[in-house]
C-alpha atoms as a PDB file:
ATOM      1  CA  MET A   1       0.000   0.000   0.000  1.00  0.00           C
ATOM      2  CA  GLU A   2       2.802   2.392   0.796  1.00  0.00           C
ATOM      3  CA  ILE A   3       4.359   1.772  -2.599  1.00  0.00           C
ATOM      4  CA  LEU A   4       1.210   3.173  -4.150  1.00  0.00           C
ATOM      5  CA  GLN A   5       1.534   6.262  -1.963  1.00  0.00           C
ATOM      6  CA  VAL A   6       5.101   6.833  -3.124  1.00  0.00           C
ATOM      7  CA  VAL A   7       4.085   6.342  -6.758  1.00  0.00           C
ATOM      8  CA  GLY A   8       1.150   8.710  -6.283  1.00  0.00           C
ATOM      9  CA  VAL A   9       3.331  11.407  -4.740  1.00  0.00           C
ATOM     10  CA  GLY A  10       5.831  10.997  -7.561  1.00  0.00           C
ATOM     11  CA  LEU A  11       3.202  11.234 -10.287  1.00  0.00           C
ATOM     12  CA  ILE A  12       1.457  14.223  -8.753  1.00  0.00           C
ATOM     13  CA  GLY A  13       4.757  16.023  -8.230  1.00  0.00           C
ATOM     14  CA  THR A  14       5.837  15.325 -11.801  1.00  0.00           C
ATOM     15  CA  VAL A  15       2.567  16.506 -13.328  1.00  0.00           C
ATOM     16  CA  LEU A  16       2.569  19.660 -11.208  1.00  0.00           C
ATOM     17  CA  ALA A  17       6.174  20.409 -12.109  1.00  0.00           C
ATOM     18  CA  VAL A  18       5.482  19.994 -15.829  1.00  0.00           C
ATOM     19  CA  PHE A  19       2.467  22.295 -15.753  1.00  0.00           C
ATOM     20  CA  VAL A  20       4.195  24.945 -13.652  1.00  0.00           C
ATOM     21  CA  LYS A  21       7.437  24.764 -15.659  1.00  0.00           C
ATOM     22  CA  GLU A  22       5.784  26.549 -18.584  1.00  0.00           C
ATOM     23  CA  ARG A  23       5.225  29.655 -16.483  1.00  0.00           C
ATOM     24  CA  ASN A  24       7.798  29.612 -13.694  1.00  0.00           C
ATOM     25  CA  LYS A  25      10.837  27.353 -13.848  1.00  0.00           C
ATOM     26  CA  GLU A  26      12.010  28.140 -10.321  1.00  0.00           C
ATOM     27  CA  VAL A  27       8.755  26.975  -8.777  1.00  0.00           C
ATOM     28  CA  ALA A  28       8.884  23.802 -10.890  1.00  0.00           C
ATOM     29  CA  VAL A  29      12.336  23.046  -9.481  1.00  0.00           C
ATOM     30  CA  LEU A  30      11.051  23.573  -5.933  1.00  0.00           C
ATOM     31  CA  ILE A  31       8.123  21.235  -6.574  1.00  0.00           C
ATOM     32  CA  SER A  32      10.488  18.576  -7.904  1.00  0.00           C
ATOM     33  CA  LEU A  33      12.824  19.000  -4.949  1.00  0.00           C
ATOM     34  CA  THR A  34       9.979  18.766  -2.450  1.00  0.00           C
ATOM     35  CA  THR A  35       8.647  15.643  -4.153  1.00  0.00           C
ATOM     36  CA  GLY A  36      12.082  14.046  -3.979  1.00  0.00           C
ATOM     37  CA  ILE A  37      12.430  14.872  -0.281  1.00  0.00           C
ATOM     38  CA  ILE A  38       9.010  13.380   0.500  1.00  0.00           C
ATOM     39  CA  ILE A  39       9.903  10.160  -1.335  1.00  0.00           C
ATOM     40  CA  PHE A  40      13.262  10.078   0.462  1.00  0.00           C
ATOM     41  CA  ILE A  41      11.509  10.365   3.843  1.00  0.00           C
ATOM     42  CA  PHE A  42       9.211   7.462   2.932  1.00  0.00           C
ATOM     43  CA  THR A  43      12.284   5.433   2.019  1.00  0.00           C
ATOM     44  CA  LEU A  44      14.136   6.313   5.215  1.00  0.00           C
ATOM     45  CA  SER A  45      11.269   5.084   7.361  1.00  0.00           C
ATOM     46  CA  LYS A  46      11.391   1.709   5.622  1.00  0.00           C
ATOM     47  CA  VAL A  47      15.184   1.458   5.863  1.00  0.00           C
ATOM     48  CA  GLY A  48      14.937   2.149   9.599  1.00  0.00           C
ATOM     49  CA  SER A  49      12.505  -0.725   9.991  1.00  0.00           C
ATOM     50  CA  ILE A  50      14.816  -3.074   8.076  1.00  0.00           C
ATOM     51  CA  ILE A  51      17.811  -2.084  10.218  1.00  0.00           C
ATOM     52  CA  ASN A  52      15.815  -2.749  13.400  1.00  0.00           C
ATOM     53  CA  VAL A  53      14.908  -6.225  12.151  1.00  0.00           C
ATOM     54  CA  LEU A  54      18.519  -7.005  11.277  1.00  0.00           C
ATOM     55  CA  ASN A  55      19.708  -6.011  14.754  1.00  0.00           C
END
């Protein structure tokens, strides 16, 4: 289920960035960066769980 959330965030961020890029490139870069950070946070939470299991 969480994979679908990550995919959804990625798709929404990409579509928003493409639409905004036509008018304001700086805002499109910020949207892309924010999307990447959100996906990274999702990934970190899963990596933390894996490390706890391995210990």
